[in-house]
Amino acid sequence: MDYLDILFNCLEEEPPSDTPEYRESKNIRGLLLDDIQKAMGSFD
């Protein structure tokens, strides 16, 4: 498992929250992870 997988798994395991700030932060992190994965290519 590489570091990107570890980071992604840690972020996915966070307990859900229902605040607007949390939802916005999670959305931004998801977009950043998508950009990182696109830049690094697929590891599958």
N, C-alpha and C. Protein backbone atom coordinates (compact mmCIF):
# COMPACT_ATOMS: atom_id res chain seq x y z
N MET A 1 0.85 -1.17 0.00
CA MET A 1 0.00 0.00 0.00
C MET A 1 0.91 1.24 0.00
N ASP A 2 0.59 2.19 -0.82
CA ASP A 2 1.41 3.40 -0.87
C ASP A 2 0.81 4.50 0.00
N TYR A 3 1.55 5.59 0.12
CA TYR A 3 1.13 6.67 1.02
C TYR A 3 -0.19 7.31 0.60
N LEU A 4 -0.45 7.42 -0.70
CA LEU A 4 -1.71 8.00 -1.16
C LEU A 4 -2.89 7.14 -0.71
N ASP A 5 -2.74 5.82 -0.80
CA ASP A 5 -3.80 4.92 -0.32
C ASP A 5 -4.02 5.07 1.17
N ILE A 6 -2.93 5.18 1.93
CA ILE A 6 -3.04 5.32 3.38
C ILE A 6 -3.76 6.62 3.72
N LEU A 7 -3.36 7.72 3.07
CA LEU A 7 -4.01 9.01 3.31
C LEU A 7 -5.49 8.95 2.97
N PHE A 8 -5.81 8.39 1.82
CA PHE A 8 -7.20 8.29 1.39
C PHE A 8 -8.01 7.47 2.39
N ASN A 9 -7.47 6.34 2.82
CA ASN A 9 -8.19 5.49 3.76
C ASN A 9 -8.40 6.19 5.09
N CYS A 10 -7.42 6.94 5.57
CA CYS A 10 -7.58 7.68 6.82
C CYS A 10 -8.68 8.73 6.70
N LEU A 11 -8.73 9.42 5.57
CA LEU A 11 -9.75 10.43 5.37
C LEU A 11 -11.14 9.81 5.25
N GLU A 12 -11.22 8.65 4.64
CA GLU A 12 -12.51 7.99 4.47
C GLU A 12 -13.05 7.45 5.79
N GLU A 13 -12.17 7.16 6.74
CA GLU A 13 -12.59 6.58 8.01
C GLU A 13 -12.99 7.62 9.05
N GLU A 14 -12.92 8.90 8.71
CA GLU A 14 -13.31 9.94 9.65
C GLU A 14 -14.79 9.81 10.01
N PRO A 15 -15.13 10.06 11.26
CA PRO A 15 -16.56 10.03 11.60
C PRO A 15 -17.30 11.17 10.90
N PRO A 16 -18.48 10.91 10.42
CA PRO A 16 -19.23 11.95 9.71
C PRO A 16 -19.65 13.08 10.64
N SER A 17 -19.72 14.25 10.08
CA SER A 17 -20.17 15.42 10.80
C SER A 17 -21.18 16.13 9.90
N ASP A 18 -22.05 16.90 10.47
CA ASP A 18 -23.09 17.52 9.66
C ASP A 18 -22.99 19.04 9.61
N THR A 19 -21.81 19.57 9.93
CA THR A 19 -21.66 21.02 9.89
C THR A 19 -21.31 21.46 8.47
N PRO A 20 -21.71 22.65 8.06
CA PRO A 20 -21.37 23.14 6.72
C PRO A 20 -19.86 23.23 6.51
N GLU A 21 -19.12 23.59 7.56
CA GLU A 21 -17.66 23.69 7.45
C GLU A 21 -17.04 22.34 7.17
N TYR A 22 -17.54 21.31 7.85
CA TYR A 22 -17.02 19.96 7.64
C TYR A 22 -17.30 19.49 6.22
N ARG A 23 -18.52 19.70 5.75
CA ARG A 23 -18.87 19.27 4.39
C ARG A 23 -18.02 19.99 3.35
N GLU A 24 -17.80 21.28 3.53
CA GLU A 24 -16.98 22.04 2.60
C GLU A 24 -15.52 21.54 2.61
N SER A 25 -15.00 21.31 3.81
CA SER A 25 -13.63 20.82 3.95
C SER A 25 -13.48 19.44 3.30
N LYS A 26 -14.45 18.57 3.53
CA LYS A 26 -14.38 17.22 2.95
C LYS A 26 -14.46 17.29 1.43
N ASN A 27 -15.28 18.17 0.90
CA ASN A 27 -15.39 18.33 -0.54
C ASN A 27 -14.06 18.81 -1.13
N ILE A 28 -13.43 19.79 -0.48
CA ILE A 28 -12.15 20.32 -0.96
C ILE A 28 -11.08 19.23 -0.91
N ARG A 29 -11.03 18.48 0.18
CA ARG A 29 -10.04 17.38 0.28
C ARG A 29 -10.26 16.35 -0.81
N GLY A 30 -11.51 16.04 -1.10
CA GLY A 30 -11.80 15.08 -2.17
C GLY A 30 -11.31 15.58 -3.52
N LEU A 31 -11.53 16.85 -3.79
CA LEU A 31 -11.06 17.43 -5.05
C LEU A 31 -9.53 17.41 -5.13
N LEU A 32 -8.88 17.72 -4.01
CA LEU A 32 -7.42 17.70 -3.99
C LEU A 32 -6.89 16.28 -4.20
N LEU A 33 -7.53 15.30 -3.56
CA LEU A 33 -7.10 13.91 -3.75
C LEU A 33 -7.29 13.48 -5.20
N ASP A 34 -8.37 13.91 -5.83
CA ASP A 34 -8.58 13.60 -7.25
C ASP A 34 -7.47 14.20 -8.10
N ASP A 35 -7.11 15.46 -7.82
CA ASP A 35 -6.04 16.12 -8.57
C ASP A 35 -4.70 15.40 -8.38
N ILE A 36 -4.42 14.99 -7.16
CA ILE A 36 -3.17 14.27 -6.88
C ILE A 36 -3.14 12.94 -7.63
N GLN A 37 -4.26 12.23 -7.58
CA GLN A 37 -4.31 10.93 -8.24
C GLN A 37 -4.16 11.08 -9.75
N LYS A 38 -4.78 12.10 -10.34
CA LYS A 38 -4.64 12.34 -11.77
C LYS A 38 -3.20 12.67 -12.13
N ALA A 39 -2.54 13.48 -11.29
CA ALA A 39 -1.16 13.87 -11.57
C ALA A 39 -0.20 12.70 -11.44
N MET A 40 -0.47 11.80 -10.50
CA MET A 40 0.42 10.67 -10.27
C MET A 40 0.08 9.46 -11.14
N GLY A 41 -1.10 9.43 -11.70
CA GLY A 41 -1.51 8.30 -12.51
C GLY A 41 -2.13 7.21 -11.64
N SER A 42 -2.64 6.22 -12.29
CA SER A 42 -3.30 5.13 -11.60
C SER A 42 -2.28 4.11 -11.12
N PHE A 43 -2.49 3.55 -9.93
CA PHE A 43 -1.60 2.55 -9.38
C PHE A 43 -2.20 1.16 -9.47
N ASP A 44 -3.33 1.01 -10.11
CA ASP A 44 -4.00 -0.30 -10.19
C ASP A 44 -3.36 -1.19 -11.21
